[in-house]
Amino acid sequence: MGKLSIGKYAGLCVLGGEIAYTACLFYGTMLTGKVAELHHAIFELLPGFTWLGIGSFLAGALTIAVWSGLGGAYIAWMHNASIKEQAK
């Protein structure tokens, strides 16, 4: 496998993170009881997040985007750094 584009890989990680974030929020609206309390409490660990507010949704999405992008860039960088150059 060749070198990865850091920007493209990080962008795909952001996209995946946002899809997962939205799916988890949607799933959380269908929960009840103690499970819902736990699910909501875990989401409230995100900075600026309170359950079901538009500003809160955007703050959470921004947090997820930043961490997903940083993680994706780091993984692509580590992958590229680990590739040994072929002798010519």
Protein backbone atom coordinates (compact mmCIF):
# COMPACT_ATOMS: atom_id res chain seq x y z
CA MET A 1 0.00 0.00 0.00
CA GLY A 2 1.35 3.43 -0.92
CA LYS A 3 1.31 6.71 0.93
CA LEU A 4 -1.98 8.16 2.09
CA SER A 5 -3.13 11.71 1.43
CA ILE A 6 -3.27 13.21 4.91
CA GLY A 7 -5.94 15.76 3.96
CA LYS A 8 -8.17 13.25 2.21
CA TYR A 9 -7.82 10.66 4.98
CA ALA A 10 -8.52 13.23 7.71
CA GLY A 11 -11.55 14.48 5.74
CA LEU A 12 -12.95 10.98 5.45
CA CYS A 13 -12.46 10.46 9.19
CA VAL A 14 -14.37 13.71 9.84
CA LEU A 15 -17.20 12.54 7.57
CA GLY A 16 -17.36 9.17 9.34
CA GLY A 17 -17.27 10.82 12.75
CA GLU A 18 -20.12 13.17 11.86
CA ILE A 19 -22.25 10.33 10.50
CA ALA A 20 -21.67 8.29 13.67
CA TYR A 21 -22.36 11.35 15.87
CA THR A 22 -25.67 12.06 14.13
CA ALA A 23 -26.71 8.40 14.19
CA CYS A 24 -25.95 8.15 17.92
CA LEU A 25 -27.93 11.31 18.66
CA PHE A 26 -30.88 9.98 16.67
CA TYR A 27 -30.66 6.64 18.48
CA GLY A 28 -30.54 8.46 21.82
CA THR A 29 -33.92 10.08 21.17
CA MET A 30 -35.53 6.63 21.03
CA LEU A 31 -34.20 5.43 24.40
CA THR A 32 -36.09 5.53 27.68
CA GLY A 33 -35.34 5.08 31.37
CA LYS A 34 -31.88 4.53 32.81
CA VAL A 35 -30.40 3.73 29.41
CA ALA A 36 -31.47 7.14 28.10
CA GLU A 37 -30.00 8.85 31.18
CA LEU A 38 -26.66 7.13 30.62
CA HIS A 39 -26.65 7.87 26.89
CA HIS A 40 -27.43 11.54 27.52
CA ALA A 41 -24.82 11.79 30.28
CA ILE A 42 -22.12 10.41 27.99
CA PHE A 43 -22.95 12.97 25.29
CA GLU A 44 -22.85 15.75 27.87
CA LEU A 45 -19.12 15.04 28.28
CA LEU A 46 -18.65 16.91 25.00
CA PRO A 47 -17.77 20.58 25.66
CA GLY A 48 -20.81 22.84 25.36
CA PHE A 49 -23.25 19.97 24.80
CA THR A 50 -26.71 19.88 26.37
CA TRP A 51 -29.27 17.44 25.10
CA LEU A 52 -31.28 18.44 22.00
CA GLY A 53 -30.37 22.07 21.39
CA ILE A 54 -29.30 23.32 17.95
CA GLY A 55 -26.33 25.23 19.36
CA SER A 56 -25.42 22.19 21.39
CA PHE A 57 -25.66 19.95 18.34
CA LEU A 58 -23.30 22.26 16.43
CA ALA A 59 -20.86 22.46 19.36
CA GLY A 60 -20.79 18.66 19.54
CA ALA A 61 -20.40 18.35 15.77
CA LEU A 62 -17.47 20.79 15.85
CA THR A 63 -15.80 18.85 18.67
CA ILE A 64 -16.25 15.55 16.83
CA ALA A 65 -14.93 17.09 13.59
CA VAL A 66 -11.80 18.44 15.27
CA TRP A 67 -10.94 15.20 17.07
CA SER A 68 -11.77 13.03 14.04
CA GLY A 69 -9.66 15.22 11.77
CA LEU A 70 -6.72 15.21 14.17
CA GLY A 71 -6.98 11.44 14.61
CA GLY A 72 -7.20 10.84 10.87
CA ALA A 73 -4.24 13.13 10.14
CA TYR A 74 -2.16 11.39 12.81
CA ILE A 75 -3.00 7.92 11.51
CA ALA A 76 -2.17 8.89 7.91
CA TRP A 77 1.07 10.58 9.02
CA MET A 78 2.12 7.50 11.03
CA HIS A 79 1.28 5.26 8.08
CA ASN A 80 3.32 7.40 5.69
CA ALA A 81 6.24 7.61 8.12
CA SER A 82 6.34 3.83 8.45
CA ILE A 83 6.70 3.14 4.73
CA LYS A 84 10.24 2.19 3.78
CA GLU A 85 11.59 3.69 0.57
CA GLN A 86 12.31 1.14 -2.19
CA ALA A 87 15.93 0.99 -3.28
CA LYS A 88 16.35 2.08 -6.91
